[in-house]
PDB file of N, CA and C in Angstrom:
ATOM      1  N   MET A   1       0.856  -0.847  -0.074  1.00  0.00           N
ATOM      2  CA  MET A   1      -0.014  -0.046   0.079  1.00  0.00           C
ATOM      3  C   MET A   1       0.981   1.192   0.149  1.00  0.00           C
ATOM      4  N   GLU A   2       0.603   2.216  -0.910  1.00  0.00           N
ATOM      5  CA  GLU A   2       1.177   3.382  -0.801  1.00  0.00           C
ATOM      6  C   GLU A   2       0.693   4.306  -0.033  1.00  0.00           C
ATOM      7  N   ASN A   3       1.558   5.031   0.557  1.00  0.00           N
ATOM      8  CA  ASN A   3       1.528   6.602   1.472  1.00  0.00           C
ATOM      9  C   ASN A   3       1.575   7.690   0.344  1.00  0.00           C
ATOM     10  N   ARG A   4       0.835   8.603  -0.121  1.00  0.00           N
ATOM     11  CA  ARG A   4       1.073  10.019  -0.378  1.00  0.00           C
ATOM     12  C   ARG A   4       0.534  11.033   0.272  1.00  0.00           C
ATOM     13  N   LEU A   5       1.400  11.732   0.194  1.00  0.00           N
ATOM     14  CA  LEU A   5       1.465  13.052   0.615  1.00  0.00           C
ATOM     15  C   LEU A   5       0.942  13.904  -0.027  1.00  0.00           C
ATOM     16  N   GLU A   6       0.040  14.841   0.475  1.00  0.00           N
ATOM     17  CA  GLU A   6      -0.762  15.683  -0.458  1.00  0.00           C
ATOM     18  C   GLU A   6      -0.644  16.897   0.246  1.00  0.00           C
ATOM     19  N   LEU A   7      -0.344  17.890  -0.689  1.00  0.00           N
ATOM     20  CA  LEU A   7      -0.091  19.623   0.065  1.00  0.00           C
ATOM     21  C   LEU A   7      -1.423  20.075   0.270  1.00  0.00           C
ATOM     22  N   GLN A   8      -0.991  20.172   1.495  1.00  0.00           N
ATOM     23  CA  GLN A   8      -2.709  21.098   2.262  1.00  0.00           C
ATOM     24  C   GLN A   8      -2.134  22.384   2.166  1.00  0.00           C
ATOM     25  N   ASN A   9      -3.325  23.249   2.295  1.00  0.00           N
ATOM     26  CA  ASN A   9      -2.737  24.702   2.722  1.00  0.00           C
ATOM     27  C   ASN A   9      -3.802  25.322   3.975  1.00  0.00           C
ATOM     28  N   ARG A  10      -3.207  26.661   4.295  1.00  0.00           N
ATOM     29  CA  ARG A  10      -4.089  27.279   5.739  1.00  0.00           C
ATOM     30  C   ARG A  10      -4.456  28.794   4.565  1.00  0.00           C
ATOM     31  N   ILE A  11      -4.503  29.075   3.698  1.00  0.00           N
ATOM     32  CA  ILE A  11      -4.546  30.172   2.732  1.00  0.00           C
ATOM     33  C   ILE A  11      -5.863  30.394   3.379  1.00  0.00           C
ATOM     34  N   ARG A  12      -6.835  29.838   3.584  1.00  0.00           N
ATOM     35  CA  ARG A  12      -8.357  30.778   3.993  1.00  0.00           C
ATOM     36  C   ARG A  12      -8.203  31.470   5.180  1.00  0.00           C
ATOM     37  N   MET A  13      -7.288  30.330   6.046  1.00  0.00           N
ATOM     38  CA  MET A  13      -7.015  31.376   7.542  1.00  0.00           C
ATOM     39  C   MET A  13      -6.053  32.408   7.709  1.00  0.00           C
ATOM     40  N   TRP A  14      -5.500  32.367   6.772  1.00  0.00           N
ATOM     41  CA  TRP A  14      -4.726  33.203   7.213  1.00  0.00           C
ATOM     42  C   TRP A  14      -5.358  34.970   6.306  1.00  0.00           C
ATOM     43  N   ARG A  15      -6.102  34.300   4.718  1.00  0.00           N
ATOM     44  CA  ARG A  15      -6.781  35.160   4.812  1.00  0.00           C
ATOM     45  C   ARG A  15      -7.529  36.127   5.397  1.00  0.00           C
ATOM     46  N   ALA A  16      -8.820  35.093   6.425  1.00  0.00           N
ATOM     47  CA  ALA A  16      -9.400  35.678   6.943  1.00  0.00           C
ATOM     48  C   ALA A  16      -8.882  36.361   8.262  1.00  0.00           C
ATOM     49  N   GLU A  17      -7.473  36.024   8.278  1.00  0.00           N
ATOM     50  CA  GLU A  17      -6.983  36.935   9.434  1.00  0.00           C
ATOM     51  C   GLU A  17      -6.718  38.253   8.966  1.00  0.00           C
ATOM     52  N   LYS A  18      -6.455  38.604   7.935  1.00  0.00           N
ATOM     53  CA  LYS A  18      -6.092  39.711   7.109  1.00  0.00           C
ATOM     54  C   LYS A  18      -7.363  40.656   6.760  1.00  0.00           C
ATOM     55  N   ARG A  19      -8.242  39.608   7.077  1.00  0.00           N
ATOM     56  CA  ARG A  19      -9.314  40.583   6.125  1.00  0.00           C
ATOM     57  C   ARG A  19      -9.685  40.976   4.785  1.00  0.00           C
ATOM     58  N   MET A  20      -8.497  39.574   3.994  1.00  0.00           N
ATOM     59  CA  MET A  20      -8.712  39.982   2.516  1.00  0.00           C
ATOM     60  C   MET A  20      -9.557  38.716   1.738  1.00  0.00           C
ATOM     61  N   SER A  21     -10.109  39.330   0.756  1.00  0.00           N
ATOM     62  CA  SER A  21     -11.048  38.371   0.029  1.00  0.00           C
ATOM     63  C   SER A  21     -10.103  38.015  -0.695  1.00  0.00           C
ATOM     64  N   GLN A  22     -10.542  36.396  -1.237  1.00  0.00           N
ATOM     65  CA  GLN A  22     -10.137  35.827  -2.380  1.00  0.00           C
ATOM     66  C   GLN A  22      -9.722  36.991  -3.625  1.00  0.00           C
ATOM     67  N   GLY A  23     -10.544  37.675  -4.000  1.00  0.00           N
ATOM     68  CA  GLY A  23     -10.183  38.434  -5.088  1.00  0.00           C
ATOM     69  C   GLY A  23      -8.936  39.462  -4.646  1.00  0.00           C
ATOM     70  N   GLU A  24      -8.599  40.140  -3.439  1.00  0.00           N
ATOM     71  CA  GLU A  24      -7.986  40.829  -3.030  1.00  0.00           C
ATOM     72  C   GLU A  24      -6.647  40.087  -2.978  1.00  0.00           C
ATOM     73  N   LEU A  25      -6.754  39.093  -2.836  1.00  0.00           N
ATOM     74  CA  LEU A  25      -5.113  38.055  -2.881  1.00  0.00           C
ATOM     75  C   LEU A  25      -4.938  37.828  -4.496  1.00  0.00           C
ATOM     76  N   ALA A  26      -6.077  37.414  -4.710  1.00  0.00           N
ATOM     77  CA  ALA A  26      -5.530  36.907  -6.410  1.00  0.00           C
ATOM     78  C   ALA A  26      -4.886  38.091  -7.232  1.00  0.00           C
ATOM     79  N   GLU A  27      -5.569  39.435  -6.911  1.00  0.00           N
ATOM     80  CA  GLU A  27      -4.654  40.770  -7.318  1.00  0.00           C
ATOM     81  C   GLU A  27      -3.355  40.661  -6.964  1.00  0.00           C
ATOM     82  N   LEU A  28      -3.122  40.478  -5.443  1.00  0.00           N
ATOM     83  CA  LEU A  28      -1.562  40.954  -5.629  1.00  0.00           C
ATOM     84  C   LEU A  28      -1.083  39.765  -5.819  1.00  0.00           C
ATOM     85  N   VAL A  29      -1.198  38.472  -6.074  1.00  0.00           N
ATOM     86  CA  VAL A  29      -0.698  37.734  -6.854  1.00  0.00           C
ATOM     87  C   VAL A  29      -0.687  37.270  -8.473  1.00  0.00           C
ATOM     88  N   ASN A  30      -1.394  38.156  -9.057  1.00  0.00           N
ATOM     89  CA  ASN A  30      -1.426  38.234 -10.377  1.00  0.00           C
ATOM     90  C   ASN A  30      -2.441  37.243 -10.799  1.00  0.00           C
ATOM     91  N   VAL A  31      -3.311  35.907 -10.637  1.00  0.00           N
ATOM     92  CA  VAL A  31      -4.312  35.239 -10.666  1.00  0.00           C
ATOM     93  C   VAL A  31      -5.455  35.725 -10.829  1.00  0.00           C
ATOM     94  N   SER A  32      -6.575  34.905 -11.394  1.00  0.00           N
ATOM     95  CA  SER A  32      -7.688  35.044 -11.044  1.00  0.00           C
ATOM     96  C   SER A  32      -8.609  34.457  -9.348  1.00  0.00           C
ATOM     97  N   ARG A  33      -9.557  35.170  -9.154  1.00  0.00           N
ATOM     98  CA  ARG A  33      -9.946  34.814  -7.785  1.00  0.00           C
ATOM     99  C   ARG A  33     -10.527  33.031  -7.858  1.00  0.00           C
ATOM    100  N   GLN A  34     -10.680  32.579  -8.953  1.00  0.00           N
ATOM    101  CA  GLN A  34     -11.251  31.098  -9.283  1.00  0.00           C
ATOM    102  C   GLN A  34      -9.885  30.580  -8.624  1.00  0.00           C
ATOM    103  N   THR A  35      -8.264  31.239  -9.497  1.00  0.00           N
ATOM    104  CA  THR A  35      -7.395  30.065  -9.377  1.00  0.00           C
ATOM    105  C   THR A  35      -7.165  30.045  -7.445  1.00  0.00           C
ATOM    106  N   ILE A  36      -7.339  31.000  -6.775  1.00  0.00           N
ATOM    107  CA  ILE A  36      -7.370  31.507  -5.611  1.00  0.00           C
ATOM    108  C   ILE A  36      -8.475  30.231  -4.789  1.00  0.00           C
ATOM    109  N   SER A  37      -9.369  30.122  -5.269  1.00  0.00           N
ATOM    110  CA  SER A  37     -10.880  29.470  -4.912  1.00  0.00           C
ATOM    111  C   SER A  37     -10.147  27.629  -5.156  1.00  0.00           C
ATOM    112  N   SER A  38      -9.414  27.702  -6.187  1.00  0.00           N
ATOM    113  CA  SER A  38      -8.997  26.349  -6.475  1.00  0.00           C
ATOM    114  C   SER A  38      -7.939  25.754  -5.584  1.00  0.00           C
ATOM    115  N   ILE A  39      -6.740  26.381  -5.704  1.00  0.00           N
ATOM    116  CA  ILE A  39      -5.921  26.388  -4.696  1.00  0.00           C
ATOM    117  C   ILE A  39      -6.578  26.068  -2.765  1.00  0.00           C
ATOM    118  N   GLU A  40      -7.319  26.992  -2.535  1.00  0.00           N
ATOM    119  CA  GLU A  40      -8.039  26.724  -0.921  1.00  0.00           C
ATOM    120  C   GLU A  40      -8.233  25.362  -0.453  1.00  0.00           C
ATOM    121  N   ASN A  41      -9.402  24.873  -2.152  1.00  0.00           N
ATOM    122  CA  ASN A  41     -10.461  23.925  -1.906  1.00  0.00           C
ATOM    123  C   ASN A  41      -9.081  22.235  -2.462  1.00  0.00           C
ATOM    124  N   LEU A  42      -8.304  22.652  -2.580  1.00  0.00           N
ATOM    125  CA  LEU A  42      -7.180  21.592  -3.157  1.00  0.00           C
ATOM    126  C   LEU A  42      -7.729  21.156  -4.258  1.00  0.00           C
ATOM    127  N   GLN A  43      -8.079  22.196  -5.232  1.00  0.00           N
ATOM    128  CA  GLN A  43      -8.338  21.438  -7.028  1.00  0.00           C
ATOM    129  C   GLN A  43      -7.297  21.497  -7.502  1.00  0.00           C
ATOM    130  N   PHE A  44      -6.482  22.354  -7.247  1.00  0.00           N
ATOM    131  CA  PHE A  44      -5.341  22.831  -8.044  1.00  0.00           C
ATOM    132  C   PHE A  44      -3.685  23.187  -6.973  1.00  0.00           C
ATOM    133  N   CYS A  45      -3.062  22.651  -7.625  1.00  0.00           N
ATOM    134  CA  CYS A  45      -1.730  22.847  -6.717  1.00  0.00           C
ATOM    135  C   CYS A  45      -0.957  23.503  -7.264  1.00  0.00           C
ATOM    136  N   PRO A  46      -0.394  24.541  -6.721  1.00  0.00           N
ATOM    137  CA  PRO A  46       0.141  25.987  -7.188  1.00  0.00           C
ATOM    138  C   PRO A  46       1.716  25.452  -7.428  1.00  0.00           C
ATOM    139  N   SER A  47       1.837  26.341  -8.538  1.00  0.00           N
ATOM    140  CA  SER A  47       3.693  26.290  -8.780  1.00  0.00           C
ATOM    141  C   SER A  47       4.330  26.780  -7.628  1.00  0.00           C
ATOM    142  N   ALA A  48       5.667  26.379  -7.432  1.00  0.00           N
ATOM    143  CA  ALA A  48       6.353  26.912  -6.361  1.00  0.00           C
ATOM    144  C   ALA A  48       6.077  28.078  -6.367  1.00  0.00           C
ATOM    145  N   LYS A  49       6.642  29.039  -7.619  1.00  0.00           N
ATOM    146  CA  LYS A  49       6.543  30.517  -7.787  1.00  0.00           C
ATOM    147  C   LYS A  49       5.276  31.505  -6.941  1.00  0.00           C
ATOM    148  N   LEU A  50       3.835  30.445  -7.373  1.00  0.00           N
ATOM    149  CA  LEU A  50       2.998  31.024  -6.703  1.00  0.00           C
ATOM    150  C   LEU A  50       2.622  30.547  -5.643  1.00  0.00           C
ATOM    151  N   ALA A  51       3.306  29.645  -5.181  1.00  0.00           N
ATOM    152  CA  ALA A  51       3.404  29.586  -3.652  1.00  0.00           C
ATOM    153  C   ALA A  51       3.712  30.365  -2.735  1.00  0.00           C
ATOM    154  N   LEU A  52       5.136  30.880  -3.291  1.00  0.00           N
ATOM    155  CA  LEU A  52       5.733  31.514  -2.504  1.00  0.00           C
ATOM    156  C   LEU A  52       5.624  33.025  -2.615  1.00  0.00           C
ATOM    157  N   LEU A  53       4.646  33.490  -3.815  1.00  0.00           N
ATOM    158  CA  LEU A  53       4.150  34.967  -3.547  1.00  0.00           C
ATOM    159  C   LEU A  53       2.823  34.870  -2.844  1.00  0.00           C
ATOM    160  N   ILE A  54       2.086  33.948  -2.911  1.00  0.00           N
ATOM    161  CA  ILE A  54       1.123  33.964  -1.727  1.00  0.00           C
ATOM    162  C   ILE A  54       1.471  34.233  -0.280  1.00  0.00           C
ATOM    163  N   CYS A  55       2.302  33.419  -0.133  1.00  0.00           N
ATOM    164  CA  CYS A  55       2.922  33.183   1.170  1.00  0.00           C
ATOM    165  C   CYS A  55       3.690  35.151   1.322  1.00  0.00           C
ATOM    166  N   VAL A  56       4.148  35.803   0.868  1.00  0.00           N
ATOM    167  CA  VAL A  56       4.458  37.166   0.666  1.00  0.00           C
ATOM    168  C   VAL A  56       3.228  37.883   0.797  1.00  0.00           C
ATOM    169  N   ALA A  57       2.352  37.983  -0.149  1.00  0.00           N
ATOM    170  CA  ALA A  57       1.286  38.478   0.219  1.00  0.00           C
ATOM    171  C   ALA A  57       0.680  38.220   1.523  1.00  0.00           C
ATOM    172  N   LEU A  58       0.524  36.851   2.018  1.00  0.00           N
ATOM    173  CA  LEU A  58       0.254  36.511   3.255  1.00  0.00           C
ATOM    174  C   LEU A  58       0.753  36.937   4.595  1.00  0.00           C
ATOM    175  N   ASP A  59       2.373  37.069   4.501  1.00  0.00           N
ATOM    176  CA  ASP A  59       3.551  37.773   5.136  1.00  0.00           C
ATOM    177  C   ASP A  59       3.587  36.723   6.073  1.00  0.00           C
ATOM    178  N   LYS A  60       3.937  35.577   5.687  1.00  0.00           N
ATOM    179  CA  LYS A  60       4.097  34.315   6.099  1.00  0.00           C
ATOM    180  C   LYS A  60       4.952  33.361   5.358  1.00  0.00           C
ATOM    181  N   LYS A  61       5.510  32.464   6.489  1.00  0.00           N
ATOM    182  CA  LYS A  61       6.114  31.641   6.184  1.00  0.00           C
ATOM    183  C   LYS A  61       5.847  30.460   4.854  1.00  0.00           C
ATOM    184  N   PHE A  62       6.884  29.554   4.282  1.00  0.00           N
ATOM    185  CA  PHE A  62       5.818  28.728   3.267  1.00  0.00           C
ATOM    186  C   PHE A  62       5.577  27.712   4.261  1.00  0.00           C
ATOM    187  N   GLU A  63       6.239  27.068   5.455  1.00  0.00           N
ATOM    188  CA  GLU A  63       5.548  26.353   6.076  1.00  0.00           C
ATOM    189  C   GLU A  63       4.253  26.569   7.300  1.00  0.00           C
ATOM    190  N   GLU A  64       4.100  27.840   7.029  1.00  0.00           N
ATOM    191  CA  GLU A  64       3.484  28.500   8.069  1.00  0.00           C
ATOM    192  C   GLU A  64       1.618  28.367   6.874  1.00  0.00           C
ATOM    193  N   VAL A  65       2.173  28.177   5.725  1.00  0.00           N
ATOM    194  CA  VAL A  65       0.545  28.603   4.677  1.00  0.00           C
ATOM    195  C   VAL A  65       0.529  27.291   4.018  1.00  0.00           C
ATOM    196  N   PHE A  66       1.534  26.136   3.747  1.00  0.00           N
ATOM    197  CA  PHE A  66       1.723  25.067   3.250  1.00  0.00           C
ATOM    198  C   PHE A  66       2.022  23.837   3.915  1.00  0.00           C
ATOM    199  N   TYR A  67       1.715  22.859   3.930  1.00  0.00           N
ATOM    200  CA  TYR A  67       2.037  21.667   4.861  1.00  0.00           C
ATOM    201  C   TYR A  67       1.839  20.189   3.564  1.00  0.00           C
ATOM    202  N   PHE A  68       2.911  19.237   4.392  1.00  0.00           N
ATOM    203  CA  PHE A  68       1.800  17.731   3.715  1.00  0.00           C
ATOM    204  C   PHE A  68       1.226  16.935   4.639  1.00  0.00           C
ATOM    205  N   GLU A  69       0.225  15.865   4.365  1.00  0.00           N
ATOM    206  CA  GLU A  69      -0.564  15.687   5.255  1.00  0.00           C
ATOM    207  C   GLU A  69      -0.685  14.468   4.565  1.00  0.00           C
TER     208      GLU A  69
END
């Protein structure tokens, strides 16, 4: 049996703490609101560059936003 680690995220939690909408975060990282929604709902795995841009926009370290489960 193969154990697969899946990339999870806490984007929604950190966005809420900053009172930031999906659209506002999307604008900061130059993607659509739908892209942010898809990442938050684990339907889309962001590129390393986009993941880092999200972390910078949220003012959080990578490991505070993304983790494996």
